[in-house]
């Protein structure tokens, strides 16, 4: 199955067993990384060139990829054990 649902939309279906798990990038971490990336660019620490690295606070070190991309990494997997930890 494919689609898009947030923890709040999917909670009922995870808890009743309809869906065992689903994955999304955690928006809190994505925003956090975007802020650190912007700060690194604004301060001149990075220019957006492929291969440059910078520290993104609690998330650790990141590398600028092709076309200036910075990827958060693997998505967060939501299941019955953690779905109540998220409210979005």
N, C-alpha and C. Protein backbone atom coordinates (compact mmCIF):
# COMPACT_ATOMS: atom_id res chain seq x y z
N UNK A 1 0.84 -1.16 0.00
CA UNK A 1 0.00 0.00 0.00
C UNK A 1 0.90 1.24 0.00
N UNK A 2 0.48 2.25 -0.70
CA UNK A 2 1.20 3.51 -0.68
C UNK A 2 0.22 4.63 -0.38
N UNK A 3 0.75 5.74 0.04
CA UNK A 3 -0.07 6.89 0.36
C UNK A 3 0.67 7.76 1.34
N UNK A 4 -0.02 8.73 1.85
CA UNK A 4 0.59 9.63 2.80
C UNK A 4 -0.37 9.85 3.95
N UNK A 5 0.12 9.63 5.15
CA UNK A 5 -0.69 9.88 6.33
C UNK A 5 0.21 10.27 7.48
N UNK A 6 -0.28 11.15 8.30
CA UNK A 6 0.48 11.57 9.47
C UNK A 6 0.15 10.63 10.64
N UNK A 7 0.94 10.67 11.70
CA UNK A 7 0.61 9.82 12.86
C UNK A 7 -0.81 10.04 13.36
N UNK A 8 -1.27 11.29 13.39
CA UNK A 8 -2.63 11.54 13.86
C UNK A 8 -3.67 10.90 12.95
N UNK A 9 -3.43 10.90 11.65
CA UNK A 9 -4.36 10.30 10.71
C UNK A 9 -4.29 8.77 10.74
N UNK A 10 -3.12 8.23 11.02
CA UNK A 10 -2.90 6.79 10.93
C UNK A 10 -3.02 6.05 12.27
N UNK A 11 -3.06 6.78 13.38
CA UNK A 11 -3.03 6.17 14.71
C UNK A 11 -4.08 5.05 14.86
N UNK A 12 -5.31 5.34 14.50
CA UNK A 12 -6.40 4.36 14.63
C UNK A 12 -6.08 3.07 13.87
N UNK A 13 -5.53 3.20 12.68
CA UNK A 13 -5.27 2.05 11.83
C UNK A 13 -4.06 1.24 12.30
N UNK A 14 -3.09 1.91 12.90
CA UNK A 14 -1.95 1.21 13.49
C UNK A 14 -2.40 0.46 14.73
N UNK A 15 -3.18 1.11 15.56
CA UNK A 15 -3.62 0.49 16.82
C UNK A 15 -4.57 -0.68 16.60
N UNK A 16 -5.38 -0.64 15.52
CA UNK A 16 -6.30 -1.76 15.30
C UNK A 16 -5.69 -2.85 14.41
N UNK A 17 -4.42 -2.66 14.01
CA UNK A 17 -3.72 -3.69 13.25
C UNK A 17 -3.92 -3.63 11.74
N UNK A 18 -4.69 -2.67 11.26
CA UNK A 18 -4.89 -2.54 9.81
C UNK A 18 -3.55 -2.27 9.12
N UNK A 19 -2.74 -1.43 9.75
CA UNK A 19 -1.41 -1.08 9.23
C UNK A 19 -0.41 -1.38 10.34
N UNK A 20 0.61 -2.18 10.03
CA UNK A 20 1.62 -2.52 11.04
C UNK A 20 2.58 -1.36 11.29
N UNK A 21 2.95 -0.67 10.22
CA UNK A 21 3.88 0.45 10.35
C UNK A 21 3.83 1.29 9.08
N UNK A 22 4.32 2.51 9.19
CA UNK A 22 4.48 3.38 8.04
C UNK A 22 5.65 4.30 8.35
N UNK A 23 6.14 4.98 7.34
CA UNK A 23 7.34 5.80 7.52
C UNK A 23 7.16 7.18 6.91
N UNK A 24 7.69 8.16 7.60
CA UNK A 24 7.73 9.55 7.14
C UNK A 24 9.00 10.18 7.70
N UNK A 25 9.43 11.24 7.08
CA UNK A 25 10.49 12.01 7.71
C UNK A 25 9.85 12.79 8.85
N UNK A 26 10.52 12.80 9.96
CA UNK A 26 10.02 13.49 11.14
C UNK A 26 10.12 15.00 10.86
N UNK A 27 8.99 15.72 10.82
CA UNK A 27 9.05 17.14 10.47
C UNK A 27 9.86 17.98 11.45
N UNK A 28 9.91 17.57 12.72
CA UNK A 28 10.72 18.31 13.69
C UNK A 28 12.20 18.21 13.32
N UNK A 29 12.65 17.00 12.98
CA UNK A 29 14.05 16.81 12.60
C UNK A 29 14.34 17.47 11.25
N UNK A 30 13.39 17.41 10.34
CA UNK A 30 13.58 18.03 9.03
C UNK A 30 13.73 19.54 9.15
N UNK A 31 12.88 20.16 9.98
CA UNK A 31 12.99 21.60 10.21
C UNK A 31 14.28 21.96 10.92
N UNK A 32 14.68 21.13 11.87
CA UNK A 32 15.92 21.34 12.62
C UNK A 32 17.11 21.31 11.66
N UNK A 33 17.13 20.31 10.78
CA UNK A 33 18.22 20.21 9.82
C UNK A 33 18.21 21.38 8.85
N UNK A 34 17.03 21.78 8.41
CA UNK A 34 16.93 22.92 7.49
C UNK A 34 17.48 24.19 8.14
N UNK A 35 17.18 24.40 9.42
CA UNK A 35 17.69 25.58 10.12
C UNK A 35 19.21 25.54 10.22
N UNK A 36 19.77 24.41 10.58
CA UNK A 36 21.23 24.29 10.68
C UNK A 36 21.89 24.46 9.32
N UNK A 37 21.25 23.91 8.28
CA UNK A 37 21.80 24.05 6.93
C UNK A 37 21.79 25.52 6.51
N UNK A 38 20.68 26.20 6.76
CA UNK A 38 20.59 27.62 6.43
C UNK A 38 21.62 28.45 7.17
N UNK A 39 21.81 28.12 8.45
CA UNK A 39 22.81 28.85 9.25
C UNK A 39 24.21 28.60 8.71
N UNK A 40 24.50 27.37 8.31
CA UNK A 40 25.82 27.06 7.76
C UNK A 40 26.05 27.80 6.44
N UNK A 41 25.01 27.90 5.64
CA UNK A 41 25.12 28.66 4.39
C UNK A 41 25.29 30.15 4.66
N UNK A 42 24.47 30.69 5.56
CA UNK A 42 24.51 32.13 5.84
C UNK A 42 25.83 32.56 6.46
N UNK A 43 26.43 31.68 7.25
CA UNK A 43 27.69 32.03 7.91
C UNK A 43 28.91 31.79 7.03
N UNK A 44 28.69 31.17 5.89
CA UNK A 44 29.82 30.87 5.00
C UNK A 44 30.54 29.60 5.34
N UNK A 45 30.04 28.85 6.31
CA UNK A 45 30.66 27.58 6.67
C UNK A 45 30.61 26.61 5.50
N UNK A 46 29.52 26.65 4.73
CA UNK A 46 29.40 25.88 3.51
C UNK A 46 28.88 26.82 2.41
N UNK A 47 29.12 26.41 1.16
CA UNK A 47 28.63 27.20 0.03
C UNK A 47 27.57 26.44 -0.77
N UNK A 48 27.36 25.18 -0.41
CA UNK A 48 26.41 24.35 -1.15
C UNK A 48 27.07 23.45 -2.16
N UNK A 49 28.40 23.43 -2.15
CA UNK A 49 29.13 22.57 -3.07
C UNK A 49 29.11 21.12 -2.59
N UNK A 50 28.97 20.20 -3.51
CA UNK A 50 28.96 18.78 -3.18
C UNK A 50 30.22 18.39 -2.41
N UNK A 51 30.03 17.62 -1.34
CA UNK A 51 31.15 17.13 -0.54
C UNK A 51 31.45 17.94 0.70
N UNK A 52 30.95 19.17 0.79
CA UNK A 52 31.16 19.97 2.00
C UNK A 52 30.41 19.32 3.16
N UNK A 53 30.95 19.47 4.36
CA UNK A 53 30.31 18.92 5.55
C UNK A 53 30.09 20.02 6.57
N UNK A 54 29.12 19.79 7.44
CA UNK A 54 28.83 20.73 8.52
C UNK A 54 28.14 19.98 9.64
N UNK A 55 28.21 20.55 10.83
CA UNK A 55 27.55 19.98 12.00
C UNK A 55 26.13 20.53 12.09
N UNK A 56 25.19 19.64 12.33
CA UNK A 56 23.78 20.03 12.47
C UNK A 56 23.30 19.74 13.89
N UNK A 57 23.99 20.32 14.86
CA UNK A 57 23.58 20.19 16.26
C UNK A 57 23.42 18.75 16.69
N UNK A 58 22.27 18.44 17.30
CA UNK A 58 22.00 17.10 17.84
C UNK A 58 21.96 16.02 16.77
N UNK A 59 21.77 16.41 15.50
CA UNK A 59 21.68 15.43 14.42
C UNK A 59 23.05 14.97 13.93
N UNK A 60 24.10 15.69 14.30
CA UNK A 60 25.44 15.28 13.90
C UNK A 60 25.90 15.91 12.60
N UNK A 61 26.84 15.25 11.95
CA UNK A 61 27.46 15.80 10.76
C UNK A 61 26.68 15.42 9.51
N UNK A 62 26.56 16.37 8.59
CA UNK A 62 25.90 16.15 7.32
C UNK A 62 26.81 16.58 6.19
N UNK A 63 26.59 15.98 5.04
CA UNK A 63 27.36 16.29 3.85
C UNK A 63 26.43 16.82 2.76
N UNK A 64 26.89 17.83 2.06
CA UNK A 64 26.15 18.36 0.92
C UNK A 64 26.31 17.38 -0.23
N UNK A 65 25.20 16.98 -0.81
CA UNK A 65 25.21 16.03 -1.92
C UNK A 65 25.14 16.73 -3.26
N UNK A 66 24.90 15.92 -4.27
CA UNK A 66 24.79 16.44 -5.63
C UNK A 66 23.69 17.49 -5.71
N UNK A 67 23.91 18.48 -6.52
CA UNK A 67 22.95 19.57 -6.72
C UNK A 67 22.65 20.33 -5.44
N UNK A 68 23.57 20.32 -4.48
CA UNK A 68 23.39 21.10 -3.25
C UNK A 68 22.39 20.51 -2.28
N UNK A 69 22.06 19.24 -2.42
CA UNK A 69 21.07 18.63 -1.53
C UNK A 69 21.68 18.21 -0.21
N UNK A 70 20.89 18.31 0.85
CA UNK A 70 21.26 17.80 2.16
C UNK A 70 20.08 16.94 2.60
N UNK A 71 20.33 15.65 2.72
CA UNK A 71 19.26 14.71 3.03
C UNK A 71 19.26 14.37 4.52
N UNK A 72 18.07 14.35 5.11
CA UNK A 72 17.94 14.03 6.52
C UNK A 72 18.42 12.62 6.81
N UNK A 73 18.13 11.70 5.93
CA UNK A 73 18.50 10.30 6.16
C UNK A 73 17.27 9.44 6.17
N UNK A 74 17.39 8.25 6.73
CA UNK A 74 16.25 7.34 6.72
C UNK A 74 15.04 7.95 7.43
N UNK A 75 13.85 7.65 6.92
CA UNK A 75 12.65 8.18 7.57
C UNK A 75 12.41 7.52 8.92
N UNK A 76 11.57 8.15 9.72
CA UNK A 76 11.14 7.59 11.00
C UNK A 76 10.05 6.56 10.71
N UNK A 77 10.18 5.38 11.31
CA UNK A 77 9.17 4.35 11.17
C UNK A 77 8.22 4.46 12.36
N UNK A 78 6.95 4.61 12.07
CA UNK A 78 5.92 4.72 13.09
C UNK A 78 5.21 3.37 13.21
N UNK A 79 5.07 2.90 14.42
CA UNK A 79 4.34 1.66 14.67
C UNK A 79 3.66 1.77 16.04
N UNK A 80 3.08 0.68 16.50
CA UNK A 80 2.34 0.74 17.75
C UNK A 80 3.21 1.14 18.94
N UNK A 81 4.51 0.87 18.86
CA UNK A 81 5.38 1.17 19.99
C UNK A 81 5.70 2.65 20.14
N UNK A 82 5.56 3.45 19.07
CA UNK A 82 5.97 4.86 19.17
C UNK A 82 4.94 5.86 18.64
N UNK A 83 3.86 5.41 18.07
CA UNK A 83 2.94 6.35 17.41
C UNK A 83 2.35 7.38 18.36
N UNK A 84 2.19 7.02 19.64
CA UNK A 84 1.64 7.99 20.60
C UNK A 84 2.64 9.05 21.02
N UNK A 85 3.88 8.90 20.60
CA UNK A 85 4.92 9.90 20.91
C UNK A 85 4.87 11.09 19.96
N UNK A 86 4.02 11.02 18.93
CA UNK A 86 3.99 12.05 17.89
C UNK A 86 2.59 12.63 17.79
N UNK A 87 2.52 13.95 17.67
CA UNK A 87 1.24 14.65 17.57
C UNK A 87 1.27 15.61 16.40
N UNK A 88 1.15 15.06 15.21
CA UNK A 88 1.04 15.88 14.00
C UNK A 88 0.30 15.09 12.95
